[in-house]
Amino acid sequence: MIRMVKVCPKCLQKNPAASDDCSRCGESIIFVNAEEEQPEAPAARPAPLNAVGKYRKCRECGHKNFVEDENEYLSHCKNPECKNPDIMKEPVEVEDTGREVTHESALCLVYRKPVKRPGPSREGETSDNQAVYEIRVPQEGAVLGKEGDLDAEFFKRFKYISSYHCRVYQKGGNWYVKDLGSRNGTYVHGSREPLEPYKECIIREGKVLRLADLELLITRGKPHAD
């Protein structure tokens, strides 16, 4: 059965063809033309294979912290009895694990904020640390913003972020961002020019995605937990 829908140009929500306003963001869609709803085909997944494992070995406890690649960010050692915060200083080593790679990795956006350490600084120690917040984007993508799909309370801490700022999604094996008409713009890879609203742009691992004045480092993450 063919279903006609109106796709909101602001947040991309699919609405019944008779709708005057978007059910998600309230945007007027009176003048949006109804179109046939397209079924979303499941993404093809490569067959599992045995892989060589990469890890950072903690010098404090000896725990092997496996990573997808050299750019995956670890805020601390994964050993709950250790949690060494300097794990990223350790080199990436390789071993044959015999584990299966399932290609389930999603995208991770990392926010780092310099904070002052309490107490006097010790010799050879920096006075700044990194407070880290990770936003894990599921494979099907998500809308980011104060009223978005993920971590809305986090985005509400930033004055210049819009309610529905941008959408991050995967297509053809690559990740893309699309600005949703935000007031203060979306920027990629250090550009000083904001993205054109509703025009998709590919994003790369290791680069920076900036929403208004909020900078997020693009890395690979684990699957988003439901």
N, C-alpha and C. Protein backbone atom coordinates (compact mmCIF):
# COMPACT_ATOMS: atom_id res chain seq x y z
N MET A 1 0.85 -1.20 0.00
CA MET A 1 0.00 0.00 0.00
C MET A 1 0.89 1.25 0.00
N ILE A 2 0.58 2.16 -0.92
CA ILE A 2 1.36 3.39 -1.02
C ILE A 2 0.90 4.38 0.05
N ARG A 3 1.84 4.93 0.80
CA ARG A 3 1.53 5.92 1.84
C ARG A 3 2.15 7.25 1.45
N MET A 4 1.33 8.29 1.45
CA MET A 4 1.83 9.62 1.12
C MET A 4 2.20 10.35 2.41
N VAL A 5 3.35 11.02 2.38
CA VAL A 5 3.84 11.72 3.57
C VAL A 5 4.38 13.09 3.17
N LYS A 6 4.46 13.97 4.17
CA LYS A 6 5.15 15.25 4.01
C LYS A 6 6.41 15.20 4.87
N VAL A 7 7.57 15.45 4.26
CA VAL A 7 8.84 15.42 4.98
C VAL A 7 9.18 16.84 5.41
N CYS A 8 9.31 17.03 6.73
CA CYS A 8 9.62 18.35 7.26
C CYS A 8 11.01 18.80 6.79
N PRO A 9 11.12 19.99 6.19
CA PRO A 9 12.44 20.45 5.71
C PRO A 9 13.38 20.84 6.85
N LYS A 10 12.84 20.98 8.06
CA LYS A 10 13.67 21.41 9.19
C LYS A 10 14.29 20.22 9.93
N CYS A 11 13.47 19.22 10.28
CA CYS A 11 14.00 18.10 11.07
C CYS A 11 13.89 16.76 10.36
N LEU A 12 13.32 16.74 9.11
CA LEU A 12 13.22 15.55 8.28
C LEU A 12 12.22 14.51 8.79
N GLN A 13 11.36 14.91 9.72
CA GLN A 13 10.32 14.01 10.21
C GLN A 13 9.30 13.73 9.10
N LYS A 14 8.87 12.45 8.99
CA LYS A 14 7.83 12.10 8.04
C LYS A 14 6.47 12.29 8.70
N ASN A 15 5.60 13.07 8.08
CA ASN A 15 4.28 13.38 8.62
C ASN A 15 3.19 12.92 7.67
N PRO A 16 1.99 12.61 8.18
CA PRO A 16 0.87 12.28 7.30
C PRO A 16 0.61 13.40 6.29
N ALA A 17 0.15 13.02 5.09
CA ALA A 17 0.00 13.98 4.00
C ALA A 17 -0.97 15.11 4.35
N ALA A 18 -1.90 14.89 5.26
CA ALA A 18 -2.89 15.92 5.61
C ALA A 18 -2.39 16.89 6.67
N SER A 19 -1.18 16.71 7.16
CA SER A 19 -0.65 17.53 8.25
C SER A 19 -0.36 18.95 7.79
N ASP A 20 -0.63 19.92 8.69
CA ASP A 20 -0.28 21.32 8.44
C ASP A 20 1.00 21.71 9.17
N ASP A 21 1.31 20.99 10.29
CA ASP A 21 2.50 21.27 11.09
C ASP A 21 3.24 19.97 11.36
N CYS A 22 4.57 20.08 11.48
CA CYS A 22 5.40 18.90 11.76
C CYS A 22 5.10 18.39 13.16
N SER A 23 4.94 17.08 13.31
CA SER A 23 4.62 16.49 14.61
C SER A 23 5.81 16.50 15.55
N ARG A 24 7.02 16.69 15.03
CA ARG A 24 8.20 16.68 15.88
C ARG A 24 8.62 18.09 16.31
N CYS A 25 8.78 18.99 15.36
CA CYS A 25 9.34 20.31 15.69
C CYS A 25 8.33 21.45 15.59
N GLY A 26 7.12 21.18 15.06
CA GLY A 26 6.10 22.21 14.98
C GLY A 26 6.22 23.12 13.77
N GLU A 27 7.19 22.90 12.90
CA GLU A 27 7.38 23.72 11.70
C GLU A 27 6.17 23.59 10.77
N SER A 28 5.76 24.72 10.18
CA SER A 28 4.64 24.69 9.25
C SER A 28 5.05 23.93 7.98
N ILE A 29 4.22 22.97 7.58
CA ILE A 29 4.49 22.20 6.36
C ILE A 29 3.29 22.27 5.41
N ILE A 30 2.52 23.36 5.55
CA ILE A 30 1.35 23.54 4.70
C ILE A 30 1.73 23.52 3.22
N PHE A 31 2.86 24.15 2.89
CA PHE A 31 3.25 24.28 1.49
C PHE A 31 4.24 23.20 1.04
N VAL A 32 4.46 22.20 1.90
CA VAL A 32 5.32 21.07 1.53
C VAL A 32 4.49 20.07 0.73
N ASN A 33 4.99 19.67 -0.41
CA ASN A 33 4.28 18.70 -1.25
C ASN A 33 4.37 17.30 -0.68
N ALA A 34 3.25 16.59 -0.69
CA ALA A 34 3.24 15.20 -0.24
C ALA A 34 3.95 14.33 -1.27
N GLU A 35 4.62 13.29 -0.79
CA GLU A 35 5.34 12.38 -1.68
C GLU A 35 5.18 10.96 -1.18
N GLU A 36 5.46 10.01 -2.05
CA GLU A 36 5.36 8.61 -1.66
C GLU A 36 6.45 8.28 -0.65
N GLU A 37 6.07 7.59 0.42
CA GLU A 37 7.05 7.18 1.42
C GLU A 37 7.91 6.07 0.85
N GLN A 38 9.21 6.25 0.94
CA GLN A 38 10.15 5.27 0.42
C GLN A 38 10.59 4.33 1.53
N PRO A 39 10.43 3.02 1.34
CA PRO A 39 10.89 2.09 2.38
C PRO A 39 12.40 2.15 2.53
N GLU A 40 12.86 2.08 3.76
CA GLU A 40 14.30 2.15 4.03
C GLU A 40 14.88 0.75 4.02
N ALA A 41 15.70 0.49 3.03
CA ALA A 41 16.33 -0.82 2.93
C ALA A 41 17.39 -0.99 3.99
N PRO A 42 17.47 -2.16 4.62
CA PRO A 42 18.51 -2.37 5.63
C PRO A 42 19.89 -2.30 5.00
N ALA A 43 20.81 -1.69 5.71
CA ALA A 43 22.18 -1.55 5.21
C ALA A 43 22.86 -2.90 5.11
N ALA A 44 23.54 -3.13 3.99
CA ALA A 44 24.26 -4.39 3.82
C ALA A 44 25.47 -4.43 4.73
N ARG A 45 25.69 -5.56 5.36
CA ARG A 45 26.82 -5.72 6.27
C ARG A 45 27.81 -6.72 5.70
N PRO A 46 29.07 -6.37 5.64
CA PRO A 46 30.08 -7.31 5.16
C PRO A 46 30.13 -8.54 6.06
N ALA A 47 30.52 -9.65 5.47
CA ALA A 47 30.63 -10.88 6.25
C ALA A 47 31.69 -10.75 7.32
N PRO A 48 31.47 -11.36 8.52
CA PRO A 48 32.47 -11.29 9.58
C PRO A 48 33.78 -11.94 9.16
N LEU A 49 34.87 -11.51 9.72
CA LEU A 49 36.16 -12.09 9.44
C LEU A 49 37.03 -12.02 10.68
N ASN A 50 37.95 -12.95 10.78
CA ASN A 50 38.90 -12.89 11.88
C ASN A 50 39.86 -11.75 11.64
N ALA A 51 40.22 -11.06 12.70
CA ALA A 51 41.00 -9.84 12.51
C ALA A 51 42.17 -9.77 13.46
N VAL A 52 43.09 -8.90 13.09
CA VAL A 52 44.20 -8.56 13.97
C VAL A 52 43.71 -7.48 14.92
N GLY A 53 43.92 -7.67 16.23
CA GLY A 53 43.45 -6.71 17.22
C GLY A 53 44.48 -5.65 17.52
N LYS A 54 44.01 -4.43 17.74
CA LYS A 54 44.87 -3.32 18.13
C LYS A 54 44.49 -2.90 19.54
N TYR A 55 45.48 -2.57 20.32
CA TYR A 55 45.18 -2.21 21.72
C TYR A 55 46.24 -1.26 22.27
N ARG A 56 45.86 -0.58 23.34
CA ARG A 56 46.81 0.21 24.13
C ARG A 56 46.94 -0.48 25.48
N LYS A 57 48.17 -0.87 25.83
CA LYS A 57 48.41 -1.59 27.07
C LYS A 57 48.69 -0.61 28.20
N CYS A 58 47.89 -0.69 29.26
CA CYS A 58 48.03 0.22 30.39
C CYS A 58 49.29 -0.10 31.18
N ARG A 59 50.12 0.89 31.40
CA ARG A 59 51.37 0.68 32.14
C ARG A 59 51.11 0.54 33.64
N GLU A 60 49.91 0.97 34.08
CA GLU A 60 49.60 0.90 35.51
C GLU A 60 49.14 -0.51 35.93
N CYS A 61 48.30 -1.14 35.09
CA CYS A 61 47.74 -2.45 35.48
C CYS A 61 47.99 -3.55 34.46
N GLY A 62 48.51 -3.19 33.27
CA GLY A 62 48.80 -4.20 32.25
C GLY A 62 47.61 -4.59 31.40
N HIS A 63 46.44 -3.97 31.63
CA HIS A 63 45.24 -4.32 30.87
C HIS A 63 45.38 -3.89 29.41
N LYS A 64 44.93 -4.77 28.49
CA LYS A 64 44.95 -4.45 27.07
C LYS A 64 43.61 -3.81 26.69
N ASN A 65 43.66 -2.56 26.28
CA ASN A 65 42.47 -1.81 25.89
C ASN A 65 42.33 -1.85 24.37
N PHE A 66 41.47 -2.74 23.86
CA PHE A 66 41.35 -2.90 22.42
C PHE A 66 40.62 -1.72 21.80
N VAL A 67 41.09 -1.30 20.61
CA VAL A 67 40.53 -0.18 19.88
C VAL A 67 40.30 -0.58 18.44
N GLU A 68 39.40 0.16 17.75
CA GLU A 68 39.14 -0.11 16.34
C GLU A 68 40.32 0.30 15.47
N ASP A 69 40.92 1.44 15.82
CA ASP A 69 42.09 1.93 15.08
C ASP A 69 42.84 2.92 15.96
N GLU A 70 43.93 3.47 15.42
CA GLU A 70 44.80 4.35 16.19
C GLU A 70 44.10 5.63 16.64
N ASN A 71 43.04 6.02 15.96
CA ASN A 71 42.37 7.29 16.26
C ASN A 71 41.25 7.17 17.28
N GLU A 72 40.89 5.95 17.68
CA GLU A 72 39.80 5.80 18.65
C GLU A 72 40.25 6.38 20.00
N TYR A 73 39.43 7.26 20.55
CA TYR A 73 39.78 7.94 21.79
C TYR A 73 39.31 7.14 23.01
N LEU A 74 40.22 6.97 23.97
CA LEU A 74 39.90 6.33 25.25
C LEU A 74 40.08 7.37 26.36
N SER A 75 39.03 7.59 27.14
CA SER A 75 39.14 8.58 28.22
C SER A 75 39.93 8.03 29.41
N HIS A 76 39.98 6.68 29.53
CA HIS A 76 40.72 6.05 30.62
C HIS A 76 40.87 4.57 30.34
N CYS A 77 41.68 3.89 31.13
CA CYS A 77 41.82 2.43 31.02
C CYS A 77 40.47 1.78 31.31
N LYS A 78 40.10 0.76 30.53
CA LYS A 78 38.81 0.11 30.68
C LYS A 78 38.75 -0.84 31.87
N ASN A 79 39.89 -1.10 32.52
CA ASN A 79 39.89 -1.90 33.74
C ASN A 79 39.22 -1.09 34.85
N PRO A 80 38.05 -1.53 35.38
CA PRO A 80 37.33 -0.74 36.38
C PRO A 80 38.11 -0.52 37.67
N GLU A 81 39.11 -1.34 37.92
CA GLU A 81 39.92 -1.17 39.13
C GLU A 81 41.11 -0.25 38.90
N CYS A 82 41.28 0.21 37.67
CA CYS A 82 42.42 1.07 37.35
C CYS A 82 41.97 2.45 36.87
N LYS A 83 41.31 2.49 35.69
CA LYS A 83 40.83 3.73 35.09
C LYS A 83 41.93 4.79 34.94
N ASN A 84 43.11 4.33 34.53
CA ASN A 84 44.23 5.24 34.29
C ASN A 84 43.85 6.28 33.24
N PRO A 85 43.84 7.59 33.58
CA PRO A 85 43.41 8.62 32.62
C PRO A 85 44.43 8.93 31.54
N ASP A 86 45.63 8.37 31.66
CA ASP A 86 46.69 8.67 30.69
C ASP A 86 46.87 7.55 29.67
N ILE A 87 45.81 6.75 29.44
CA ILE A 87 45.93 5.60 28.56
C ILE A 87 46.27 6.00 27.12
N MET A 88 45.87 7.22 26.69
CA MET A 88 46.14 7.63 25.31
C MET A 88 47.62 7.92 25.07
N LYS A 89 48.42 7.99 26.15
CA LYS A 89 49.85 8.18 25.99
C LYS A 89 50.56 6.89 25.60
N GLU A 90 49.86 5.75 25.74
CA GLU A 90 50.47 4.46 25.42
C GLU A 90 50.38 4.20 23.91
N PRO A 91 51.41 3.56 23.33
CA PRO A 91 51.38 3.27 21.89
C PRO A 91 50.37 2.18 21.56
N VAL A 92 49.89 2.17 20.32
CA VAL A 92 48.99 1.12 19.85
C VAL A 92 49.82 -0.09 19.45
N GLU A 93 49.48 -1.24 20.03
CA GLU A 93 50.16 -2.50 19.71
C GLU A 93 49.18 -3.42 18.98
N VAL A 94 49.72 -4.49 18.38
CA VAL A 94 48.91 -5.36 17.54
C VAL A 94 49.11 -6.82 17.95
N GLU A 95 48.00 -7.57 17.94
CA GLU A 95 48.09 -9.02 18.14
C GLU A 95 46.94 -9.69 17.41
N ASP A 96 47.11 -10.97 17.06
CA ASP A 96 46.05 -11.73 16.41
C ASP A 96 45.10 -12.24 17.49
N THR A 97 43.89 -11.70 17.52
CA THR A 97 42.95 -12.04 18.58
C THR A 97 42.03 -13.19 18.23
N GLY A 98 41.83 -13.45 16.93
CA GLY A 98 40.88 -14.47 16.53
C GLY A 98 39.44 -14.02 16.69
N ARG A 99 39.25 -12.77 17.14
CA ARG A 99 37.89 -12.27 17.31
C ARG A 99 37.28 -11.94 15.95
N GLU A 100 35.95 -11.85 15.91
CA GLU A 100 35.27 -11.46 14.70
C GLU A 100 35.04 -9.96 14.69
N VAL A 101 35.25 -9.38 13.51
CA VAL A 101 34.91 -7.98 13.32
C VAL A 101 33.52 -7.93 12.70
N THR A 102 32.57 -7.32 13.37
CA THR A 102 31.18 -7.35 12.92
C THR A 102 30.75 -6.08 12.21
N HIS A 103 31.66 -5.10 12.10
CA HIS A 103 31.38 -3.86 11.39
C HIS A 103 30.20 -3.11 12.00
N GLU A 104 30.07 -3.18 13.33
CA GLU A 104 28.98 -2.52 14.03
C GLU A 104 29.38 -1.16 14.59
N SER A 105 30.59 -0.70 14.29
CA SER A 105 31.03 0.56 14.88
C SER A 105 30.17 1.72 14.41
N ALA A 106 29.83 2.60 15.34
CA ALA A 106 29.08 3.80 15.02
C ALA A 106 30.02 5.00 15.10
N LEU A 107 29.45 6.19 15.08
CA LEU A 107 30.25 7.40 15.14
C LEU A 107 30.25 7.94 16.55
N CYS A 108 31.36 8.51 16.96
CA CYS A 108 31.48 9.10 18.29
C CYS A 108 31.97 10.53 18.14
N LEU A 109 31.25 11.47 18.76
CA LEU A 109 31.63 12.88 18.75
C LEU A 109 32.10 13.23 20.16
N VAL A 110 33.35 13.69 20.27
CA VAL A 110 33.98 13.89 21.56
C VAL A 110 34.14 15.38 21.86
N TYR A 111 33.63 15.78 23.02
CA TYR A 111 33.77 17.17 23.49
C TYR A 111 34.82 17.18 24.59
N ARG A 112 35.81 18.04 24.46
CA ARG A 112 36.88 18.15 25.46
C ARG A 112 36.92 19.58 25.98
N LYS A 113 36.85 19.72 27.29
CA LYS A 113 36.87 21.04 27.90
C LYS A 113 38.02 21.13 28.89
N PRO A 114 38.94 22.09 28.72
CA PRO A 114 40.02 22.26 29.71
C PRO A 114 39.45 22.67 31.06
N VAL A 115 39.90 22.01 32.11
CA VAL A 115 39.46 22.36 33.47
C VAL A 115 40.67 22.50 34.37
N LYS A 116 40.55 23.28 35.41
CA LYS A 116 41.63 23.51 36.36
C LYS A 116 41.67 22.39 37.38
N ARG A 117 42.83 21.79 37.59
CA ARG A 117 42.96 20.76 38.60
C ARG A 117 42.96 21.37 39.99
N PRO A 118 42.29 20.74 40.93
CA PRO A 118 42.31 21.28 42.30
C PRO A 118 43.69 21.13 42.93
N GLY A 119 44.04 22.08 43.78
CA GLY A 119 45.30 22.01 44.50
C GLY A 119 46.46 22.52 43.68
N PRO A 120 47.61 22.68 44.30
CA PRO A 120 48.79 23.18 43.59
C PRO A 120 49.32 22.17 42.59
N SER A 121 49.86 22.69 41.49
CA SER A 121 50.43 21.82 40.47
C SER A 121 51.76 21.26 40.94
N ARG A 122 51.98 19.99 40.60
CA ARG A 122 53.27 19.38 40.93
C ARG A 122 54.25 19.59 39.79
N GLU A 123 55.51 19.47 40.11
CA GLU A 123 56.55 19.70 39.11
C GLU A 123 56.37 18.73 37.94
N GLY A 124 56.44 19.27 36.72
CA GLY A 124 56.31 18.46 35.52
C GLY A 124 54.88 18.15 35.15
N GLU A 125 53.92 18.74 35.85
CA GLU A 125 52.52 18.45 35.61
C GLU A 125 51.83 19.70 35.04
N THR A 126 50.95 19.52 34.06
CA THR A 126 50.21 20.65 33.52
C THR A 126 49.04 20.98 34.43
N SER A 127 48.63 22.24 34.45
CA SER A 127 47.53 22.65 35.30
C SER A 127 46.18 22.38 34.66
N ASP A 128 46.21 21.99 33.37
CA ASP A 128 44.96 21.72 32.66
C ASP A 128 44.74 20.23 32.50
N ASN A 129 43.47 19.83 32.51
CA ASN A 129 43.09 18.45 32.27
C ASN A 129 42.01 18.47 31.19
N GLN A 130 41.51 17.32 30.79
CA GLN A 130 40.47 17.27 29.79
C GLN A 130 39.23 16.60 30.37
N ALA A 131 38.14 17.38 30.51
CA ALA A 131 36.85 16.82 30.87
C ALA A 131 36.19 16.37 29.57
N VAL A 132 35.87 15.09 29.44
CA VAL A 132 35.43 14.54 28.16
C VAL A 132 33.95 14.13 28.23
N TYR A 133 33.20 14.48 27.19
CA TYR A 133 31.83 14.04 27.04
C TYR A 133 31.71 13.42 25.66
N GLU A 134 31.19 12.21 25.58
CA GLU A 134 31.10 11.50 24.32
C GLU A 134 29.65 11.37 23.87
N ILE A 135 29.39 11.72 22.62
CA ILE A 135 28.07 11.56 22.01
C ILE A 135 28.18 10.44 21.00
N ARG A 136 27.50 9.34 21.24
CA ARG A 136 27.58 8.18 20.36
C ARG A 136 26.39 8.17 19.41
N VAL A 137 26.69 8.32 18.12
CA VAL A 137 25.64 8.39 17.09
C VAL A 137 25.40 6.99 16.54
N PRO A 138 24.15 6.51 16.59
CA PRO A 138 23.86 5.17 16.06
C PRO A 138 24.01 5.12 14.55
N GLN A 139 24.09 3.92 13.99
CA GLN A 139 24.32 3.77 12.56
C GLN A 139 23.22 4.40 11.72
N GLU A 140 22.00 4.46 12.24
CA GLU A 140 20.91 5.05 11.47
C GLU A 140 20.94 6.58 11.48
N GLY A 141 21.90 7.18 12.25
CA GLY A 141 22.02 8.62 12.29
C GLY A 141 21.14 9.25 13.36
N ALA A 142 21.25 10.58 13.54
CA ALA A 142 20.48 11.27 14.57
C ALA A 142 20.50 12.77 14.32
N VAL A 143 19.48 13.45 14.85
CA VAL A 143 19.43 14.91 14.85
C VAL A 143 20.07 15.41 16.13
N LEU A 144 20.98 16.38 16.02
CA LEU A 144 21.66 16.96 17.16
C LEU A 144 21.11 18.34 17.46
N GLY A 145 20.92 18.64 18.74
CA GLY A 145 20.41 19.94 19.13
C GLY A 145 19.71 19.87 20.48
N LYS A 146 19.19 21.00 20.93
CA LYS A 146 18.56 21.09 22.25
C LYS A 146 17.27 20.27 22.35
N GLU A 147 16.67 19.97 21.20
CA GLU A 147 15.48 19.13 21.18
C GLU A 147 15.70 17.93 20.25
N GLY A 148 16.98 17.57 20.04
CA GLY A 148 17.31 16.50 19.11
C GLY A 148 17.13 15.11 19.67
N ASP A 149 17.67 14.13 18.93
CA ASP A 149 17.50 12.72 19.29
C ASP A 149 18.45 12.27 20.40
N LEU A 150 19.62 12.92 20.50
CA LEU A 150 20.66 12.44 21.41
C LEU A 150 21.13 13.54 22.35
N ASP A 151 21.32 13.20 23.62
CA ASP A 151 22.01 14.07 24.59
C ASP A 151 21.48 15.51 24.59
N ALA A 152 20.16 15.66 24.55
CA ALA A 152 19.57 17.00 24.49
C ALA A 152 19.99 17.86 25.69
N GLU A 153 20.08 17.24 26.87
CA GLU A 153 20.45 18.01 28.07
C GLU A 153 21.87 18.55 27.95
N PHE A 154 22.75 17.81 27.29
CA PHE A 154 24.11 18.29 27.07
C PHE A 154 24.09 19.52 26.17
N PHE A 155 23.35 19.47 25.07
CA PHE A 155 23.33 20.60 24.12
C PHE A 155 22.67 21.83 24.72
N LYS A 156 21.78 21.65 25.69
CA LYS A 156 21.12 22.80 26.32
C LYS A 156 22.09 23.65 27.13
N ARG A 157 23.29 23.13 27.40
CA ARG A 157 24.30 23.90 28.13
C ARG A 157 24.96 24.96 27.25
N PHE A 158 24.70 24.91 25.94
CA PHE A 158 25.38 25.81 25.01
C PHE A 158 24.36 26.76 24.40
N LYS A 159 24.54 28.03 24.67
CA LYS A 159 23.58 29.08 24.34
C LYS A 159 23.25 29.15 22.86
N TYR A 160 24.23 28.95 21.99
CA TYR A 160 24.04 29.22 20.57
C TYR A 160 23.64 28.00 19.74
N ILE A 161 23.41 26.87 20.41
CA ILE A 161 22.95 25.67 19.70
C ILE A 161 21.45 25.77 19.46
N SER A 162 21.00 25.43 18.26
CA SER A 162 19.58 25.47 17.93
C SER A 162 18.87 24.21 18.43
N SER A 163 17.54 24.27 18.48
CA SER A 163 16.76 23.11 18.94
C SER A 163 17.00 21.91 18.05
N TYR A 164 16.99 22.12 16.73
CA TYR A 164 17.29 21.07 15.76
C TYR A 164 18.42 21.62 14.90
N HIS A 165 19.65 21.41 15.35
CA HIS A 165 20.79 22.12 14.75
C HIS A 165 21.26 21.45 13.45
N CYS A 166 21.52 20.16 13.51
CA CYS A 166 22.00 19.46 12.32
C CYS A 166 21.67 17.97 12.43
N ARG A 167 21.80 17.30 11.34
CA ARG A 167 21.59 15.85 11.31
C ARG A 167 22.87 15.17 10.85
N VAL A 168 23.29 14.13 11.58
CA VAL A 168 24.46 13.34 11.22
C VAL A 168 23.96 11.95 10.84
N TYR A 169 24.40 11.43 9.71
CA TYR A 169 23.88 10.15 9.24
C TYR A 169 24.90 9.46 8.33
N GLN A 170 24.67 8.18 8.10
CA GLN A 170 25.57 7.35 7.30
C GLN A 170 24.92 7.01 5.97
N LYS A 171 25.72 7.03 4.92
CA LYS A 171 25.20 6.69 3.59
C LYS A 171 26.35 6.19 2.73
N GLY A 172 26.18 5.02 2.17
CA GLY A 172 27.19 4.48 1.27
C GLY A 172 28.55 4.27 1.91
N GLY A 173 28.56 3.97 3.22
CA GLY A 173 29.82 3.73 3.92
C GLY A 173 30.49 4.97 4.43
N ASN A 174 29.95 6.15 4.15
CA ASN A 174 30.50 7.42 4.64
C ASN A 174 29.52 8.10 5.58
N TRP A 175 30.04 8.98 6.42
CA TRP A 175 29.21 9.77 7.33
C TRP A 175 29.04 11.18 6.78
N TYR A 176 27.84 11.71 6.95
CA TYR A 176 27.51 13.04 6.45
C TYR A 176 26.87 13.88 7.55
N VAL A 177 26.95 15.20 7.38
CA VAL A 177 26.23 16.13 8.24
C VAL A 177 25.41 17.05 7.35
N LYS A 178 24.22 17.42 7.84
CA LYS A 178 23.35 18.34 7.11
C LYS A 178 22.81 19.36 8.11
N ASP A 179 23.14 20.62 7.89
CA ASP A 179 22.62 21.68 8.75
C ASP A 179 21.11 21.81 8.53
N LEU A 180 20.35 21.95 9.62
CA LEU A 180 18.89 22.01 9.54
C LEU A 180 18.37 23.43 9.70
N GLY A 181 19.08 24.37 9.09
CA GLY A 181 18.65 25.76 9.16
C GLY A 181 18.94 26.38 10.51
N SER A 182 20.04 25.99 11.15
CA SER A 182 20.39 26.50 12.49
C SER A 182 20.67 28.00 12.44
N ARG A 183 20.47 28.64 13.58
CA ARG A 183 20.66 30.10 13.65
C ARG A 183 22.14 30.49 13.55
N ASN A 184 23.03 29.67 14.13
CA ASN A 184 24.45 30.05 14.20
C ASN A 184 25.38 29.14 13.42
N GLY A 185 24.84 28.28 12.61
CA GLY A 185 25.65 27.57 11.63
C GLY A 185 26.31 26.28 12.10
N THR A 186 26.65 25.45 11.11
CA THR A 186 27.40 24.21 11.29
C THR A 186 28.66 24.30 10.43
N TYR A 187 29.80 23.94 11.01
CA TYR A 187 31.09 24.07 10.32
C TYR A 187 31.82 22.73 10.35
N VAL A 188 32.57 22.44 9.30
CA VAL A 188 33.30 21.17 9.25
C VAL A 188 34.75 21.40 8.89
N HIS A 189 35.61 20.57 9.47
CA HIS A 189 37.02 20.47 9.10
C HIS A 189 37.76 21.81 9.15
N GLY A 190 37.40 22.66 10.12
CA GLY A 190 38.12 23.90 10.31
C GLY A 190 37.71 25.04 9.41
N SER A 191 36.68 24.85 8.58
CA SER A 191 36.24 25.91 7.69
C SER A 191 35.62 27.06 8.47
N ARG A 192 35.84 28.29 7.99
CA ARG A 192 35.24 29.47 8.62
C ARG A 192 33.88 29.79 8.02
N GLU A 193 33.52 29.10 6.95
CA GLU A 193 32.24 29.32 6.31
C GLU A 193 31.25 28.23 6.74
N PRO A 194 30.07 28.62 7.21
CA PRO A 194 29.09 27.61 7.63
C PRO A 194 28.54 26.83 6.44
N LEU A 195 28.05 25.64 6.70
CA LEU A 195 27.44 24.83 5.65
C LEU A 195 26.16 25.50 5.15
N GLU A 196 25.87 25.28 3.89
CA GLU A 196 24.59 25.74 3.35
C GLU A 196 23.48 24.88 3.95
N PRO A 197 22.43 25.49 4.50
CA PRO A 197 21.36 24.71 5.14
C PRO A 197 20.78 23.65 4.22
N TYR A 198 20.55 22.46 4.78
CA TYR A 198 19.90 21.33 4.12
C TYR A 198 20.73 20.74 2.97
N LYS A 199 22.01 21.10 2.90
CA LYS A 199 22.89 20.51 1.90
C LYS A 199 23.89 19.61 2.61
N GLU A 200 23.94 18.33 2.24
CA GLU A 200 24.78 17.40 2.95
C GLU A 200 26.25 17.61 2.66
N CYS A 201 27.08 17.27 3.66
CA CYS A 201 28.54 17.41 3.54
C CYS A 201 29.19 16.21 4.22
N ILE A 202 30.13 15.57 3.57
CA ILE A 202 30.81 14.43 4.15
C ILE A 202 31.71 14.87 5.30
N ILE A 203 31.81 14.06 6.34
CA ILE A 203 32.69 14.36 7.47
C ILE A 203 33.70 13.23 7.63
N ARG A 204 34.89 13.57 8.13
CA ARG A 204 36.00 12.63 8.20
C ARG A 204 36.44 12.39 9.64
N GLU A 205 36.82 11.16 9.92
CA GLU A 205 37.35 10.81 11.23
C GLU A 205 38.63 11.59 11.51
N GLY A 206 38.75 12.06 12.76
CA GLY A 206 39.92 12.83 13.16
C GLY A 206 39.78 14.32 12.93
N LYS A 207 38.70 14.74 12.26
CA LYS A 207 38.44 16.15 12.02
C LYS A 207 37.47 16.68 13.06
N VAL A 208 37.18 17.99 12.97
CA VAL A 208 36.31 18.64 13.95
C VAL A 208 35.00 19.06 13.30
N LEU A 209 33.90 18.73 13.98
CA LEU A 209 32.57 19.19 13.60
C LEU A 209 32.19 20.28 14.60
N ARG A 210 31.87 21.49 14.09
CA ARG A 210 31.54 22.60 14.99
C ARG A 210 30.10 23.04 14.80
N LEU A 211 29.36 23.03 15.91
CA LEU A 211 27.99 23.51 15.95
C LEU A 211 28.00 24.85 16.68
N ALA A 212 27.82 25.95 15.95
CA ALA A 212 27.95 27.29 16.53
C ALA A 212 29.35 27.41 17.13
N ASP A 213 29.48 27.50 18.47
CA ASP A 213 30.80 27.58 19.10
C ASP A 213 31.20 26.29 19.80
N LEU A 214 30.45 25.21 19.58
CA LEU A 214 30.73 23.92 20.20
C LEU A 214 31.53 23.04 19.24
N GLU A 215 32.75 22.66 19.65
CA GLU A 215 33.60 21.83 18.80
C GLU A 215 33.57 20.38 19.26
N LEU A 216 33.36 19.46 18.31
CA LEU A 216 33.28 18.03 18.58
C LEU A 216 34.26 17.29 17.68
N LEU A 217 35.13 16.48 18.28
CA LEU A 217 36.09 15.68 17.52
C LEU A 217 35.39 14.44 16.99
N ILE A 218 35.56 14.17 15.70
CA ILE A 218 34.92 13.03 15.06
C ILE A 218 35.80 11.79 15.19
N THR A 219 35.28 10.75 15.85
CA THR A 219 36.02 9.49 16.00
C THR A 219 35.08 8.34 15.72
N ARG A 220 35.63 7.13 15.71
CA ARG A 220 34.79 5.94 15.60
C ARG A 220 34.45 5.47 17.00
N GLY A 221 33.22 4.98 17.19
CA GLY A 221 32.79 4.54 18.50
C GLY A 221 32.21 3.15 18.46
N LYS A 222 31.72 2.71 19.61
CA LYS A 222 31.05 1.42 19.72
C LYS A 222 29.58 1.60 19.34
N PRO A 223 28.85 0.49 19.12
CA PRO A 223 27.43 0.62 18.79
C PRO A 223 26.68 1.36 19.86
N HIS A 224 25.69 2.16 19.45
CA HIS A 224 24.87 2.92 20.39
C HIS A 224 23.94 1.97 21.13
N ALA A 225 23.92 2.05 22.45
CA ALA A 225 23.07 1.17 23.24
C ALA A 225 21.64 1.65 23.19
N ASP A 226 20.71 0.72 22.96
CA ASP A 226 19.30 1.08 22.95
C ASP A 226 18.78 1.30 24.36
